[in-house]
């Protein structure tokens, strides 16, 4: 691993131990009309974990997203992080995130170095309380997407994600209706909703870390 990559990873790990940008950063990617929904007290929410997995490719750091299959669920076809529901056999929500990533994209979870966690968030539409875990993959991941859950992968450099020009308004389709919401424009995809909220917080952490080490 290149020395500057090691420095960036160590810097990110340190930043994740500090007070996080939190809900303020997450709510920047929520339409104003939906903020009241997020303020409601969750009632018996399900628990879930997602993995923001960083890895090195061609001397650049990337983050992998999945496009969910169109299964008729509330998140069908959306761009998201690998992850899913907490199962009784999971030690904790970090274990949930690692297990789900292994199942969905075929990575070797034992090679993921945990760097820290972002702010837990509630997703009203699916009644999930989600814990985002940030990890670094030691080596080159050989992705094997599970076709039952994953329609495709989106691999994006951190340098591209922190570019402010990727963020702006965008039209999304929700059950046949069009809505304008805050999105990240990545290639021909729009990242929005809970994934965009988590991503926005992570980008702010990256920018803090990037003050010491350039991507």
Protein backbone atom coordinates (compact mmCIF):
# COMPACT_ATOMS: atom_id res chain seq x y z
CA UNK A 1 0.00 0.00 0.00
CA UNK A 2 1.33 3.45 -0.96
CA UNK A 3 2.51 5.61 1.97
CA UNK A 4 0.10 8.45 1.14
CA UNK A 5 -2.81 5.96 1.13
CA UNK A 6 -1.76 4.78 4.59
CA UNK A 7 -1.65 8.40 5.78
CA UNK A 8 -5.15 9.10 4.47
CA UNK A 9 -6.59 5.97 6.11
CA UNK A 10 -4.95 6.79 9.45
CA UNK A 11 -6.18 10.38 9.22
CA UNK A 12 -9.74 9.18 8.51
CA UNK A 13 -9.58 6.78 11.45
CA UNK A 14 -8.56 9.62 13.77
CA UNK A 15 -11.33 11.90 12.50
CA UNK A 16 -13.95 9.19 13.07
CA UNK A 17 -13.00 9.09 16.76
CA UNK A 18 -13.73 12.80 17.14
CA UNK A 19 -17.22 14.36 17.48
CA UNK A 20 -19.03 13.64 14.22
CA UNK A 21 -20.80 16.13 11.91
CA UNK A 22 -23.96 14.23 12.90
CA UNK A 23 -27.59 14.93 12.03
CA UNK A 24 -26.82 18.45 10.80
CA UNK A 25 -24.75 17.00 7.95
CA UNK A 26 -27.27 14.25 7.26
CA UNK A 27 -30.21 16.66 7.14
CA UNK A 28 -28.55 18.74 4.41
CA UNK A 29 -29.61 15.96 2.04
CA UNK A 30 -33.25 15.91 3.14
CA UNK A 31 -36.01 18.00 1.51
CA UNK A 32 -37.28 20.58 4.02
CA UNK A 33 -40.76 19.07 3.79
CA UNK A 34 -39.46 15.73 5.13
CA UNK A 35 -37.55 16.98 8.18
CA UNK A 36 -40.62 16.65 10.41
CA UNK A 37 -40.82 12.92 9.58
CA UNK A 38 -37.26 12.44 10.83
CA UNK A 39 -38.08 14.21 14.09
CA UNK A 40 -40.76 11.66 15.00
CA UNK A 41 -39.95 9.16 17.73
CA UNK A 42 -39.34 5.71 16.16
CA UNK A 43 -41.75 2.97 17.26
CA UNK A 44 -40.12 -0.47 17.55
CA UNK A 45 -37.68 0.17 14.69
CA UNK A 46 -35.78 -2.68 13.08
CA UNK A 47 -31.99 -2.51 13.41
CA UNK A 48 -29.64 -2.55 10.45
CA UNK A 49 -26.04 -1.93 9.50
CA UNK A 50 -24.41 -0.65 6.32
CA UNK A 51 -20.76 -0.67 5.26
CA UNK A 52 -18.92 2.24 3.66
CA UNK A 53 -16.02 0.20 2.30
CA UNK A 54 -12.99 2.11 1.08
CA UNK A 55 -10.37 0.35 -1.01
CA UNK A 56 -7.34 1.20 -3.13
CA UNK A 57 -7.48 0.89 -6.90
CA UNK A 58 -4.79 2.27 -9.23
CA UNK A 59 -3.34 4.32 -6.36
CA UNK A 60 -6.71 5.98 -5.73
CA UNK A 61 -9.13 5.42 -2.87
CA UNK A 62 -12.62 4.37 -3.92
CA UNK A 63 -15.96 3.71 -2.25
CA UNK A 64 -18.31 0.99 -3.48
CA UNK A 65 -22.08 1.37 -3.78
CA UNK A 66 -24.65 -1.14 -4.96
CA UNK A 67 -27.72 -0.66 -7.11
CA UNK A 68 -30.49 -2.70 -5.56
CA UNK A 69 -32.58 -5.01 -7.71
CA UNK A 70 -36.12 -3.96 -8.56
CA UNK A 71 -37.87 -6.25 -6.08
CA UNK A 72 -40.89 -4.06 -5.37
CA UNK A 73 -39.55 -2.90 -2.00
CA UNK A 74 -39.35 0.70 -0.80
CA UNK A 75 -35.67 0.93 -1.83
CA UNK A 76 -35.95 -0.95 -5.14
CA UNK A 77 -33.47 0.14 -7.79
CA UNK A 78 -31.82 2.72 -5.56
CA UNK A 79 -28.10 3.27 -5.09
CA UNK A 80 -27.12 2.29 -1.56
CA UNK A 81 -24.31 0.96 0.58
CA UNK A 82 -24.01 -2.78 1.12
CA UNK A 83 -25.92 -3.67 4.26
CA UNK A 84 -29.10 -4.98 5.76
CA UNK A 85 -31.01 -6.23 8.76
CA UNK A 86 -29.46 -7.28 12.07
CA UNK A 87 -29.71 -11.05 12.54
CA UNK A 88 -29.66 -12.92 15.89
CA UNK A 89 -26.27 -14.45 15.06
CA UNK A 90 -24.62 -11.03 14.57
CA UNK A 91 -22.37 -9.92 17.42
CA UNK A 92 -23.27 -6.27 16.76
CA UNK A 93 -24.23 -3.96 13.90
CA UNK A 94 -20.64 -3.86 12.64
CA UNK A 95 -20.90 -7.63 12.22
CA UNK A 96 -24.22 -7.09 10.42
CA UNK A 97 -22.62 -4.66 7.97
CA UNK A 98 -19.69 -7.00 7.28
CA UNK A 99 -21.90 -10.07 6.83
CA UNK A 100 -24.26 -8.27 4.49
CA UNK A 101 -21.38 -6.85 2.43
CA UNK A 102 -19.94 -10.35 2.09
CA UNK A 103 -23.33 -11.71 1.00
CA UNK A 104 -24.17 -8.86 -1.39
CA UNK A 105 -20.87 -8.07 -3.11
CA UNK A 106 -18.77 -11.15 -2.35
CA UNK A 107 -15.90 -9.51 -0.48
CA UNK A 108 -13.79 -11.28 2.16
CA UNK A 109 -15.06 -9.57 5.31
CA UNK A 110 -12.01 -10.69 7.30
CA UNK A 111 -9.89 -8.28 5.24
CA UNK A 112 -11.89 -5.20 6.24
CA UNK A 113 -10.20 -2.97 8.81
CA UNK A 114 -12.84 -1.09 10.81
CA UNK A 115 -12.05 2.64 10.95
CA UNK A 116 -15.09 3.77 12.92
CA UNK A 117 -18.78 4.57 12.73
CA UNK A 118 -20.89 7.46 11.53
CA UNK A 119 -24.04 8.74 13.23
CA UNK A 120 -26.88 6.25 13.61
CA UNK A 121 -29.93 7.37 11.66
CA UNK A 122 -33.63 6.52 11.47
CA UNK A 123 -35.26 5.78 8.10
CA UNK A 124 -39.03 6.37 8.50
CA UNK A 125 -40.13 4.81 5.19
CA UNK A 126 -38.77 1.38 6.19
CA UNK A 127 -38.79 1.88 10.00
CA UNK A 128 -35.08 1.05 10.26
CA UNK A 129 -32.51 2.40 12.69
CA UNK A 130 -29.28 2.15 10.71
CA UNK A 131 -25.70 2.18 11.95
CA UNK A 132 -23.14 3.11 9.24
CA UNK A 133 -19.69 1.52 9.61
CA UNK A 134 -16.60 2.77 7.76
CA UNK A 135 -13.96 0.21 6.82
CA UNK A 136 -10.84 -0.13 4.68
CA UNK A 137 -10.30 -3.25 2.58
CA UNK A 138 -6.77 -4.61 2.83
CA UNK A 139 -5.89 -5.71 -0.69
CA UNK A 140 -7.79 -5.58 -3.95
CA UNK A 141 -11.42 -6.67 -3.56
CA UNK A 142 -12.75 -9.18 -6.07
CA UNK A 143 -16.40 -8.23 -6.25
CA UNK A 144 -18.93 -10.97 -6.91
CA UNK A 145 -22.34 -9.27 -6.75
CA UNK A 146 -25.27 -11.42 -5.65
CA UNK A 147 -27.73 -11.15 -8.57
CA UNK A 148 -30.70 -11.76 -6.26
CA UNK A 149 -29.98 -8.52 -4.40
CA UNK A 150 -27.62 -6.45 -6.52
CA UNK A 151 -28.32 -5.17 -10.03
CA UNK A 152 -24.91 -3.51 -10.37
CA UNK A 153 -21.97 -1.87 -8.64
CA UNK A 154 -20.88 1.76 -8.61
CA UNK A 155 -17.22 2.38 -7.76
CA UNK A 156 -16.40 6.04 -7.12
CA UNK A 157 -13.17 7.77 -6.08
CA UNK A 158 -13.22 9.72 -2.83
CA UNK A 159 -11.71 12.64 -4.74
CA UNK A 160 -14.80 12.74 -6.97
CA UNK A 161 -17.24 12.46 -4.07
CA UNK A 162 -15.75 15.42 -2.18
CA UNK A 163 -16.09 17.66 -5.24
CA UNK A 164 -18.92 20.07 -4.37
CA UNK A 165 -20.10 20.00 -7.99
CA UNK A 166 -21.43 16.46 -7.50
CA UNK A 167 -24.10 17.72 -5.07
CA UNK A 168 -27.27 19.52 -6.10
CA UNK A 169 -30.99 19.15 -6.78
CA UNK A 170 -32.27 16.26 -8.85
CA UNK A 171 -35.53 14.66 -9.92
CA UNK A 172 -36.22 11.19 -8.54
CA UNK A 173 -39.05 8.76 -9.19
CA UNK A 174 -40.94 7.54 -6.13
CA UNK A 175 -43.70 5.05 -6.94
CA UNK A 176 -44.36 6.71 -10.28
CA UNK A 177 -44.24 10.30 -9.01
CA UNK A 178 -41.40 12.76 -9.62
CA UNK A 179 -39.89 14.73 -6.75
CA UNK A 180 -37.01 17.20 -6.61
CA UNK A 181 -34.65 16.32 -3.78
CA UNK A 182 -30.99 16.92 -2.85
CA UNK A 183 -28.82 14.34 -4.64
CA UNK A 184 -25.26 13.42 -5.48
CA UNK A 185 -24.81 13.18 -9.25
CA UNK A 186 -22.38 10.32 -9.87
CA UNK A 187 -21.88 9.19 -13.46
CA UNK A 188 -25.45 8.68 -14.73
CA UNK A 189 -26.79 7.84 -11.29
CA UNK A 190 -28.45 9.90 -8.56
CA UNK A 191 -27.60 9.07 -4.96
CA UNK A 192 -30.37 10.31 -2.68
CA UNK A 193 -32.37 9.50 0.43
CA UNK A 194 -30.74 7.73 3.37
CA UNK A 195 -27.62 6.86 1.36
CA UNK A 196 -27.06 10.52 0.46
CA UNK A 197 -27.55 11.53 4.10
CA UNK A 198 -24.92 9.04 5.30
CA UNK A 199 -22.61 9.95 2.43
CA UNK A 200 -22.84 13.67 3.18
CA UNK A 201 -21.73 13.12 6.76
CA UNK A 202 -18.85 10.93 5.58
CA UNK A 203 -17.76 13.54 3.03
CA UNK A 204 -17.53 16.12 5.80
CA UNK A 205 -15.34 13.73 7.79
CA UNK A 206 -13.16 13.19 4.70
CA UNK A 207 -12.80 16.94 4.21
CA UNK A 208 -11.66 17.35 7.82
CA UNK A 209 -9.12 14.55 7.38
CA UNK A 210 -8.11 15.92 3.99
CA UNK A 211 -6.88 19.09 5.68
CA UNK A 212 -3.80 17.15 6.73
CA UNK A 213 -3.46 14.69 3.85
CA UNK A 214 -4.52 15.35 0.26
CA UNK A 215 -6.56 12.73 -1.61
